[in-house]
Amino acid sequence: MKPRIFSSLAAGFFAAILLVTPLRTVAQSAAKGNSKGKNPDGPGGVIAVNGVRDENLPTPPAGSAPRAANGKPSLSGVWLSGNYNFANMGGALPLQPWAQKLMEERQATQSRDDPEAKCLPAGVPRITPYPFKIVQTPEVIVMLFEGNVHSFRQFFIDRAHDKDLDPSWMGESTATWQSDTLVVDTVNFNDKTWLNGRGAPHSEKLHVTERYSRPDLGHLDVEITMEDPGAFTKPHTFKRTHVLSATWEIHEYVCNEFNVDVDRLVGK
């Protein structure tokens, strides 16, 4: 078996501070009178950990969706996440009894074992409050995350899955264009990540299908379907929308360097 190597660690500091910090104190807009906040329409709009769009996301630019040189929609850009909280996956997950029990145990211990709080990768499709960048080419589309240590995903276009890889934190993704929608198929996960901040588990049988579309210049829509015969009773589908930032570039963020709260995650 060939090892699947990722040179990345996730931005688990968010999960740590979430347990000890009021959600609405992370980022407040200048319009609310907080001198430490940023104008959401100014350079480098910020988002809060709770994803409150009306206060913390810049107004997305208007216009039609751009096209790449090959005629496909261009998904490239820096994207921000908002208008939902980071545990929301479109309702209750259809967990098998063992998985439901494990999620409740994780909640009862105040998420002390959350791998993201220890700067480990978030996995798929878990989301963080930080921006991400898409770089699109005809052969591969790359997703770069500000919130992790050089963390990334690669969507290989029209390529079969590599059956020789070991299970990994982010899985292995292939993709194909169906008209103007990019369909990403991801398999070969390990079972170490949590599906969301509430501690929902999964097995190595997890299969994630994402359908990316860009209805206009400022929005990226994603429909996500999770199938896991090892942990789910049936497939589960939900949607997310991301907004384009025309003024922001992803920055370096080293989770390990400032992960000061991990020793305080003692739970109950």
C-alpha atoms as a PDB file:
ATOM      1  CA  MET A   1       0.000   0.000   0.000  1.00  0.00           C
ATOM      2  CA  LYS A   2       1.297   3.464  -0.834  1.00  0.00           C
ATOM      3  CA  PRO A   3       1.044   5.900   2.086  1.00  0.00           C
ATOM      4  CA  ARG A   4      -1.181   8.880   1.504  1.00  0.00           C
ATOM      5  CA  ILE A   5       0.882  11.829   2.741  1.00  0.00           C
ATOM      6  CA  PHE A   6      -0.567  15.181   3.753  1.00  0.00           C
ATOM      7  CA  SER A   7       1.836  17.848   4.965  1.00  0.00           C
ATOM      8  CA  SER A   8      -0.981  19.553   6.823  1.00  0.00           C
ATOM      9  CA  LEU A   9      -2.504  19.906  10.255  1.00  0.00           C
ATOM     10  CA  ALA A  10      -5.936  21.413  10.713  1.00  0.00           C
ATOM     11  CA  ALA A  11      -6.775  24.662  12.448  1.00  0.00           C
ATOM     12  CA  GLY A  12      -7.983  23.067  15.650  1.00  0.00           C
ATOM     13  CA  PHE A  13      -7.515  26.209  17.697  1.00  0.00           C
ATOM     14  CA  PHE A  14     -11.017  27.269  16.622  1.00  0.00           C
ATOM     15  CA  ALA A  15     -12.522  24.232  18.304  1.00  0.00           C
ATOM     16  CA  ALA A  16     -10.589  24.941  21.468  1.00  0.00           C
ATOM     17  CA  ILE A  17     -11.580  28.584  21.813  1.00  0.00           C
ATOM     18  CA  LEU A  18     -15.177  27.777  20.926  1.00  0.00           C
ATOM     19  CA  LEU A  19     -15.551  26.033  24.273  1.00  0.00           C
ATOM     20  CA  VAL A  20     -14.386  29.006  26.313  1.00  0.00           C
ATOM     21  CA  THR A  21     -15.284  32.083  24.228  1.00  0.00           C
ATOM     22  CA  PRO A  22     -18.745  33.555  23.590  1.00  0.00           C
ATOM     23  CA  LEU A  23     -19.448  33.047  19.913  1.00  0.00           C
ATOM     24  CA  ARG A  24     -20.253  36.634  19.070  1.00  0.00           C
ATOM     25  CA  THR A  25     -17.045  38.047  20.534  1.00  0.00           C
ATOM     26  CA  VAL A  26     -14.724  36.690  17.845  1.00  0.00           C
ATOM     27  CA  ALA A  27     -15.529  39.230  15.155  1.00  0.00           C
ATOM     28  CA  GLN A  28     -17.863  42.191  15.374  1.00  0.00           C
ATOM     29  CA  SER A  29     -18.406  44.747  12.668  1.00  0.00           C
ATOM     30  CA  ALA A  30     -17.353  48.357  13.011  1.00  0.00           C
ATOM     31  CA  ALA A  31     -20.953  49.293  12.305  1.00  0.00           C
ATOM     32  CA  LYS A  32     -21.875  47.857  15.690  1.00  0.00           C
ATOM     33  CA  GLY A  33     -19.461  50.200  17.433  1.00  0.00           C
ATOM     34  CA  ASN A  34     -16.676  47.706  18.121  1.00  0.00           C
ATOM     35  CA  SER A  35     -13.404  49.436  17.306  1.00  0.00           C
ATOM     36  CA  LYS A  36     -11.667  46.081  16.894  1.00  0.00           C
ATOM     37  CA  GLY A  37     -14.015  44.942  14.161  1.00  0.00           C
ATOM     38  CA  LYS A  38     -13.633  45.393  10.410  1.00  0.00           C
ATOM     39  CA  ASN A  39     -15.970  47.020   7.971  1.00  0.00           C
ATOM     40  CA  PRO A  40     -17.567  44.026   6.242  1.00  0.00           C
ATOM     41  CA  ASP A  41     -17.398  45.904   2.946  1.00  0.00           C
ATOM     42  CA  GLY A  42     -13.801  46.971   3.439  1.00  0.00           C
ATOM     43  CA  PRO A  43     -10.493  45.253   2.668  1.00  0.00           C
ATOM     44  CA  GLY A  44     -10.308  41.782   4.130  1.00  0.00           C
ATOM     45  CA  GLY A  45     -13.826  41.214   5.353  1.00  0.00           C
ATOM     46  CA  VAL A  46     -13.873  38.828   8.329  1.00  0.00           C
ATOM     47  CA  ILE A  47     -16.287  36.147   9.475  1.00  0.00           C
ATOM     48  CA  ALA A  48     -17.139  35.061  12.990  1.00  0.00           C
ATOM     49  CA  VAL A  49     -16.984  31.506  14.263  1.00  0.00           C
ATOM     50  CA  ASN A  50     -20.766  31.371  14.179  1.00  0.00           C
ATOM     51  CA  GLY A  51     -20.830  32.478  10.533  1.00  0.00           C
ATOM     52  CA  VAL A  52     -23.174  35.446  11.039  1.00  0.00           C
ATOM     53  CA  ARG A  53     -23.365  36.712   7.500  1.00  0.00           C
ATOM     54  CA  ASP A  54     -24.973  40.121   8.037  1.00  0.00           C
ATOM     55  CA  GLU A  55     -22.176  41.279  10.337  1.00  0.00           C
ATOM     56  CA  ASN A  56     -19.050  39.546   9.161  1.00  0.00           C
ATOM     57  CA  LEU A  57     -19.048  38.763   5.451  1.00  0.00           C
ATOM     58  CA  PRO A  58     -18.187  41.336   2.805  1.00  0.00           C
ATOM     59  CA  THR A  59     -20.861  42.075   0.239  1.00  0.00           C
ATOM     60  CA  PRO A  60     -20.148  39.677  -2.646  1.00  0.00           C
ATOM     61  CA  PRO A  61     -19.419  41.252  -6.019  1.00  0.00           C
ATOM     62  CA  ALA A  62     -22.240  41.257  -8.557  1.00  0.00           C
ATOM     63  CA  GLY A  63     -22.047  39.932 -12.092  1.00  0.00           C
ATOM     64  CA  SER A  64     -22.196  36.744 -14.092  1.00  0.00           C
ATOM     65  CA  ALA A  65     -20.053  33.716 -13.327  1.00  0.00           C
ATOM     66  CA  PRO A  66     -16.732  33.751 -15.187  1.00  0.00           C
ATOM     67  CA  ARG A  67     -15.640  31.023 -17.573  1.00  0.00           C
ATOM     68  CA  ALA A  68     -12.307  29.254 -17.793  1.00  0.00           C
ATOM     69  CA  ALA A  69     -10.398  28.997 -21.071  1.00  0.00           C
ATOM     70  CA  ASN A  70     -11.929  25.553 -21.720  1.00  0.00           C
ATOM     71  CA  GLY A  71     -15.455  26.967 -21.428  1.00  0.00           C
ATOM     72  CA  LYS A  72     -16.207  25.476 -18.015  1.00  0.00           C
ATOM     73  CA  PRO A  73     -17.342  27.731 -15.152  1.00  0.00           C
ATOM     74  CA  SER A  74     -14.372  29.066 -13.226  1.00  0.00           C
ATOM     75  CA  LEU A  75     -14.581  28.204  -9.526  1.00  0.00           C
ATOM     76  CA  SER A  76     -11.322  30.005  -8.772  1.00  0.00           C
ATOM     77  CA  GLY A  77     -11.223  32.608  -6.032  1.00  0.00           C
ATOM     78  CA  VAL A  78     -11.100  33.134  -2.281  1.00  0.00           C
ATOM     79  CA  TRP A  79     -14.337  31.953  -0.684  1.00  0.00           C
ATOM     80  CA  LEU A  80     -15.883  32.718   2.702  1.00  0.00           C
ATOM     81  CA  SER A  81     -18.468  30.703   4.598  1.00  0.00           C
ATOM     82  CA  GLY A  82     -21.531  32.136   6.271  1.00  0.00           C
ATOM     83  CA  ASN A  83     -25.246  32.145   7.099  1.00  0.00           C
ATOM     84  CA  TYR A  84     -25.137  28.866   9.033  1.00  0.00           C
ATOM     85  CA  ASN A  85     -23.302  27.588  12.081  1.00  0.00           C
ATOM     86  CA  PHE A  86     -20.448  25.151  11.770  1.00  0.00           C
ATOM     87  CA  ALA A  87     -22.240  22.175  13.285  1.00  0.00           C
ATOM     88  CA  ASN A  88     -25.227  22.526  10.944  1.00  0.00           C
ATOM     89  CA  MET A  89     -25.502  19.844   8.275  1.00  0.00           C
ATOM     90  CA  GLY A  90     -29.084  20.374   7.194  1.00  0.00           C
ATOM     91  CA  GLY A  91     -30.768  18.658  10.118  1.00  0.00           C
ATOM     92  CA  ALA A  92     -30.162  15.572  12.220  1.00  0.00           C
ATOM     93  CA  LEU A  93     -27.796  13.018  10.740  1.00  0.00           C
ATOM     94  CA  PRO A  94     -29.218   9.488  10.199  1.00  0.00           C
ATOM     95  CA  LEU A  95     -26.744   7.833  12.556  1.00  0.00           C
ATOM     96  CA  GLN A  96     -26.776   4.185  13.513  1.00  0.00           C
ATOM     97  CA  PRO A  97     -27.295   3.562  17.263  1.00  0.00           C
ATOM     98  CA  TRP A  98     -23.581   3.099  18.015  1.00  0.00           C
ATOM     99  CA  ALA A  99     -22.702   6.305  16.171  1.00  0.00           C
ATOM    100  CA  GLN A 100     -25.469   8.286  17.889  1.00  0.00           C
ATOM    101  CA  LYS A 101     -24.270   7.049  21.286  1.00  0.00           C
ATOM    102  CA  LEU A 102     -20.686   8.013  20.500  1.00  0.00           C
ATOM    103  CA  MET A 103     -21.731  11.505  19.400  1.00  0.00           C
ATOM    104  CA  GLU A 104     -23.663  11.994  22.639  1.00  0.00           C
ATOM    105  CA  GLU A 105     -20.665  10.820  24.663  1.00  0.00           C
ATOM    106  CA  ARG A 106     -18.439  13.324  22.878  1.00  0.00           C
ATOM    107  CA  GLN A 107     -20.893  16.109  23.663  1.00  0.00           C
ATOM    108  CA  ALA A 108     -21.137  15.020  27.291  1.00  0.00           C
ATOM    109  CA  THR A 109     -17.350  15.347  27.638  1.00  0.00           C
ATOM    110  CA  GLN A 110     -17.403  18.816  26.026  1.00  0.00           C
ATOM    111  CA  SER A 111     -15.571  17.684  22.880  1.00  0.00           C
ATOM    112  CA  ARG A 112     -12.306  17.182  24.741  1.00  0.00           C
ATOM    113  CA  ASP A 113     -11.156  14.609  22.156  1.00  0.00           C
ATOM    114  CA  ASP A 114     -11.960  16.684  19.092  1.00  0.00           C
ATOM    115  CA  PRO A 115      -9.018  16.075  16.704  1.00  0.00           C
ATOM    116  CA  GLU A 116      -9.363  19.577  15.254  1.00  0.00           C
ATOM    117  CA  ALA A 117      -8.726  21.047  18.710  1.00  0.00           C
ATOM    118  CA  LYS A 118      -5.376  19.244  18.604  1.00  0.00           C
ATOM    119  CA  CYS A 119      -4.458  20.783  15.238  1.00  0.00           C
ATOM    120  CA  LEU A 120      -5.275  17.641  13.273  1.00  0.00           C
ATOM    121  CA  PRO A 121      -7.054  17.808   9.891  1.00  0.00           C
ATOM    122  CA  ALA A 122     -10.751  18.633   9.876  1.00  0.00           C
ATOM    123  CA  GLY A 123     -11.634  16.071   7.233  1.00  0.00           C
ATOM    124  CA  VAL A 124     -14.520  16.206   4.771  1.00  0.00           C
ATOM    125  CA  PRO A 125     -17.080  17.751   4.793  1.00  0.00           C
ATOM    126  CA  ARG A 126     -16.416  19.473   8.125  1.00  0.00           C
ATOM    127  CA  ILE A 127     -16.050  23.237   7.762  1.00  0.00           C
ATOM    128  CA  THR A 128     -13.956  25.851   9.556  1.00  0.00           C
ATOM    129  CA  PRO A 129     -14.591  29.603   9.842  1.00  0.00           C
ATOM    130  CA  TYR A 130     -11.536  30.507   7.794  1.00  0.00           C
ATOM    131  CA  PRO A 131     -11.366  31.392   4.088  1.00  0.00           C
ATOM    132  CA  PHE A 132     -10.337  28.880   1.456  1.00  0.00           C
ATOM    133  CA  LYS A 133      -8.986  29.353  -2.047  1.00  0.00           C
ATOM    134  CA  ILE A 134      -9.789  27.402  -5.206  1.00  0.00           C
ATOM    135  CA  VAL A 135      -7.244  27.231  -8.015  1.00  0.00           C
ATOM    136  CA  GLN A 136      -8.651  25.665 -11.184  1.00  0.00           C
ATOM    137  CA  THR A 137      -6.826  24.042 -14.093  1.00  0.00           C
ATOM    138  CA  PRO A 138      -8.221  21.694 -16.765  1.00  0.00           C
ATOM    139  CA  GLU A 139      -6.564  18.640 -15.168  1.00  0.00           C
ATOM    140  CA  VAL A 140      -6.856  19.304 -11.438  1.00  0.00           C
ATOM    141  CA  ILE A 141      -8.652  21.700  -9.119  1.00  0.00           C
ATOM    142  CA  VAL A 142      -6.899  22.537  -5.849  1.00  0.00           C
ATOM    143  CA  MET A 143      -8.539  23.769  -2.654  1.00  0.00           C
ATOM    144  CA  LEU A 144      -6.216  25.568  -0.202  1.00  0.00           C
ATOM    145  CA  PHE A 145      -7.301  26.248   3.382  1.00  0.00           C
ATOM    146  CA  GLU A 146      -6.186  29.243   5.442  1.00  0.00           C
ATOM    147  CA  GLY A 147      -7.339  27.578   8.644  1.00  0.00           C
ATOM    148  CA  ASN A 148      -4.967  24.624   8.469  1.00  0.00           C
ATOM    149  CA  VAL A 149      -1.204  24.279   8.264  1.00  0.00           C
ATOM    150  CA  HIS A 150      -0.711  24.113   4.488  1.00  0.00           C
ATOM    151  CA  SER A 151      -3.782  21.896   4.231  1.00  0.00           C
ATOM    152  CA  PHE A 152      -5.237  21.194   0.814  1.00  0.00           C
ATOM    153  CA  ARG A 153      -7.504  19.029  -1.297  1.00  0.00           C
ATOM    154  CA  GLN A 154      -6.963  17.991  -4.906  1.00  0.00           C
ATOM    155  CA  PHE A 155      -9.802  17.162  -7.321  1.00  0.00           C
ATOM    156  CA  PHE A 156      -8.364  15.171 -10.226  1.00  0.00           C
ATOM    157  CA  ILE A 157     -10.510  15.644 -13.337  1.00  0.00           C
ATOM    158  CA  ASP A 158     -11.722  12.525 -15.167  1.00  0.00           C
ATOM    159  CA  ARG A 159      -9.359  10.184 -13.345  1.00  0.00           C
ATOM    160  CA  ALA A 160     -10.147   6.897 -11.636  1.00  0.00           C
ATOM    161  CA  HIS A 161      -9.625   6.446  -7.904  1.00  0.00           C
ATOM    162  CA  ASP A 162      -6.258   5.049  -6.846  1.00  0.00           C
ATOM    163  CA  LYS A 163      -7.067   1.773  -5.105  1.00  0.00           C
ATOM    164  CA  ASP A 164      -3.530   1.478  -3.723  1.00  0.00           C
ATOM    165  CA  LEU A 165      -3.711   4.327  -1.239  1.00  0.00           C
ATOM    166  CA  ASP A 166      -3.959   3.995   2.525  1.00  0.00           C
ATOM    167  CA  PRO A 167      -6.990   5.634   4.223  1.00  0.00           C
ATOM    168  CA  SER A 168      -6.341   9.328   4.904  1.00  0.00           C
ATOM    169  CA  TRP A 169      -7.751  12.304   6.803  1.00  0.00           C
ATOM    170  CA  MET A 170      -9.058  14.157   3.746  1.00  0.00           C
ATOM    171  CA  GLY A 171      -9.732  11.155   1.532  1.00  0.00           C
ATOM    172  CA  GLU A 172      -8.988  10.913  -2.189  1.00  0.00           C
ATOM    173  CA  SER A 173     -11.021  13.019  -4.607  1.00  0.00           C
ATOM    174  CA  THR A 174     -11.732  12.666  -8.302  1.00  0.00           C
ATOM    175  CA  ALA A 175     -14.056  14.937 -10.240  1.00  0.00           C
ATOM    176  CA  THR A 176     -15.970  15.290 -13.471  1.00  0.00           C
ATOM    177  CA  TRP A 177     -17.940  18.081 -15.107  1.00  0.00           C
ATOM    178  CA  GLN A 178     -21.639  17.482 -15.619  1.00  0.00           C
ATOM    179  CA  SER A 179     -22.636  20.464 -17.727  1.00  0.00           C
ATOM    180  CA  ASP A 180     -21.814  23.489 -15.510  1.00  0.00           C
ATOM    181  CA  THR A 181     -21.609  21.484 -12.273  1.00  0.00           C
ATOM    182  CA  LEU A 182     -18.388  20.005 -10.915  1.00  0.00           C
ATOM    183  CA  VAL A 183     -19.122  16.655  -9.260  1.00  0.00           C
ATOM    184  CA  VAL A 184     -16.443  15.628  -6.760  1.00  0.00           C
ATOM    185  CA  ASP A 185     -16.300  12.030  -5.527  1.00  0.00           C
ATOM    186  CA  THR A 186     -14.267  11.424  -2.366  1.00  0.00           C
ATOM    187  CA  VAL A 187     -13.508   8.056  -0.763  1.00  0.00           C
ATOM    188  CA  ASN A 188     -10.715   6.312   1.144  1.00  0.00           C
ATOM    189  CA  PHE A 189     -11.115   8.111   4.465  1.00  0.00           C
ATOM    190  CA  ASN A 190      -9.740   7.041   7.796  1.00  0.00           C
ATOM    191  CA  ASP A 191     -12.222   7.133  10.685  1.00  0.00           C
ATOM    192  CA  LYS A 192     -10.357   9.659  12.840  1.00  0.00           C
ATOM    193  CA  THR A 193     -12.163  12.879  11.920  1.00  0.00           C
ATOM    194  CA  TRP A 194     -15.470  14.231  13.213  1.00  0.00           C
ATOM    195  CA  LEU A 195     -18.096  15.155  10.634  1.00  0.00           C
ATOM    196  CA  ASN A 196     -18.995  18.331  12.530  1.00  0.00           C
ATOM    197  CA  GLY A 197     -18.321  20.212  15.735  1.00  0.00           C
ATOM    198  CA  ARG A 198     -20.966  18.171  17.572  1.00  0.00           C
ATOM    199  CA  GLY A 199     -18.876  15.028  17.369  1.00  0.00           C
ATOM    200  CA  ALA A 200     -20.693  13.056  14.673  1.00  0.00           C
ATOM    201  CA  PRO A 201     -18.549  10.028  13.810  1.00  0.00           C
ATOM    202  CA  HIS A 202     -18.088   8.117  10.587  1.00  0.00           C
ATOM    203  CA  SER A 203     -16.426   4.909   9.450  1.00  0.00           C
ATOM    204  CA  GLU A 204     -13.822   4.214   6.769  1.00  0.00           C
ATOM    205  CA  LYS A 205     -16.753   3.442   4.459  1.00  0.00           C
ATOM    206  CA  LEU A 206     -17.644   7.148   4.248  1.00  0.00           C
ATOM    207  CA  HIS A 207     -18.329   8.294   0.690  1.00  0.00           C
ATOM    208  CA  VAL A 208     -18.826  12.012   0.038  1.00  0.00           C
ATOM    209  CA  THR A 209     -20.230  13.452  -3.191  1.00  0.00           C
ATOM    210  CA  GLU A 210     -20.049  17.227  -3.658  1.00  0.00           C
ATOM    211  CA  ARG A 211     -21.721  19.152  -6.480  1.00  0.00           C
ATOM    212  CA  TYR A 212     -20.137  22.599  -6.999  1.00  0.00           C
ATOM    213  CA  SER A 213     -21.871  25.267  -9.072  1.00  0.00           C
ATOM    214  CA  ARG A 214     -21.338  29.004  -9.470  1.00  0.00           C
ATOM    215  CA  PRO A 215     -24.670  30.704 -10.206  1.00  0.00           C
ATOM    216  CA  ASP A 216     -23.087  34.158 -10.416  1.00  0.00           C
ATOM    217  CA  LEU A 217     -19.836  35.981  -9.760  1.00  0.00           C
ATOM    218  CA  GLY A 218     -20.204  36.247  -6.000  1.00  0.00           C
ATOM    219  CA  HIS A 219     -21.591  32.870  -4.920  1.00  0.00           C
ATOM    220  CA  LEU A 220     -20.456  29.248  -4.840  1.00  0.00           C
ATOM    221  CA  ASP A 221     -23.156  26.650  -4.130  1.00  0.00           C
ATOM    222  CA  VAL A 222     -22.293  23.166  -2.885  1.00  0.00           C
ATOM    223  CA  GLU A 223     -24.647  20.215  -2.510  1.00  0.00           C
ATOM    224  CA  ILE A 224     -23.107  17.547  -0.289  1.00  0.00           C
ATOM    225  CA  THR A 225     -24.222  13.923   0.019  1.00  0.00           C
ATOM    226  CA  MET A 226     -22.711  11.622   2.625  1.00  0.00           C
ATOM    227  CA  GLU A 227     -23.093   7.850   2.439  1.00  0.00           C
ATOM    228  CA  ASP A 228     -21.669   5.608   5.121  1.00  0.00           C
ATOM    229  CA  PRO A 229     -23.059   2.083   5.549  1.00  0.00           C
ATOM    230  CA  GLY A 230     -20.800   1.703   8.588  1.00  0.00           C
ATOM    231  CA  ALA A 231     -22.294   4.626  10.539  1.00  0.00           C
ATOM    232  CA  PHE A 232     -25.428   5.908   8.743  1.00  0.00           C
ATOM    233  CA  THR A 233     -28.838   4.326   8.266  1.00  0.00           C
ATOM    234  CA  LYS A 234     -29.296   6.114   4.916  1.00  0.00           C
ATOM    235  CA  PRO A 235     -27.575   8.778   2.774  1.00  0.00           C
ATOM    236  CA  HIS A 236     -27.773  12.387   3.935  1.00  0.00           C
ATOM    237  CA  THR A 237     -27.752  15.469   1.682  1.00  0.00           C
ATOM    238  CA  PHE A 238     -27.440  19.135   2.621  1.00  0.00           C
ATOM    239  CA  LYS A 239     -26.327  22.400   0.993  1.00  0.00           C
ATOM    240  CA  ARG A 240     -23.900  25.218   1.677  1.00  0.00           C
ATOM    241  CA  THR A 241     -23.300  28.583   0.016  1.00  0.00           C
ATOM    242  CA  HIS A 242     -19.986  30.442   0.036  1.00  0.00           C
ATOM    243  CA  VAL A 243     -19.407  34.062  -0.977  1.00  0.00           C
ATOM    244  CA  LEU A 244     -16.504  35.468  -2.978  1.00  0.00           C
ATOM    245  CA  SER A 245     -14.094  37.928  -1.396  1.00  0.00           C
ATOM    246  CA  ALA A 246     -12.578  40.274  -3.957  1.00  0.00           C
ATOM    247  CA  THR A 247     -10.280  41.886  -1.359  1.00  0.00           C
ATOM    248  CA  TRP A 248      -8.827  38.994   0.613  1.00  0.00           C
ATOM    249  CA  GLU A 249      -6.031  36.488   0.120  1.00  0.00           C
ATOM    250  CA  ILE A 250      -5.540  33.460   2.335  1.00  0.00           C
ATOM    251  CA  HIS A 251      -2.853  34.012   4.974  1.00  0.00           C
ATOM    252  CA  GLU A 252      -0.524  31.724   6.848  1.00  0.00           C
ATOM    253  CA  TYR A 253      -2.041  30.310  10.026  1.00  0.00           C
ATOM    254  CA  VAL A 254      -0.055  27.797  12.082  1.00  0.00           C
ATOM    255  CA  CYS A 255      -2.404  26.099  14.505  1.00  0.00           C
ATOM    256  CA  ASN A 256       0.366  24.498  16.574  1.00  0.00           C
ATOM    257  CA  GLU A 257       2.061  27.833  17.200  1.00  0.00           C
ATOM    258  CA  PHE A 258      -0.848  29.314  19.140  1.00  0.00           C
ATOM    259  CA  ASN A 259      -2.758  26.276  20.368  1.00  0.00           C
ATOM    260  CA  VAL A 260      -2.708  27.504  23.961  1.00  0.00           C
ATOM    261  CA  ASP A 261      -6.031  26.043  25.065  1.00  0.00           C
ATOM    262  CA  VAL A 262      -5.553  22.370  24.206  1.00  0.00           C
ATOM    263  CA  ASP A 263      -4.391  21.575  27.767  1.00  0.00           C
ATOM    264  CA  ARG A 264      -7.632  23.071  29.099  1.00  0.00           C
ATOM    265  CA  LEU A 265      -9.832  20.675  27.131  1.00  0.00           C
ATOM    266  CA  VAL A 266     -10.359  18.402  30.098  1.00  0.00           C
ATOM    267  CA  GLY A 267     -14.063  17.738  29.536  1.00  0.00           C
ATOM    268  CA  LYS A 268     -16.089  16.206  32.307  1.00  0.00           C
END
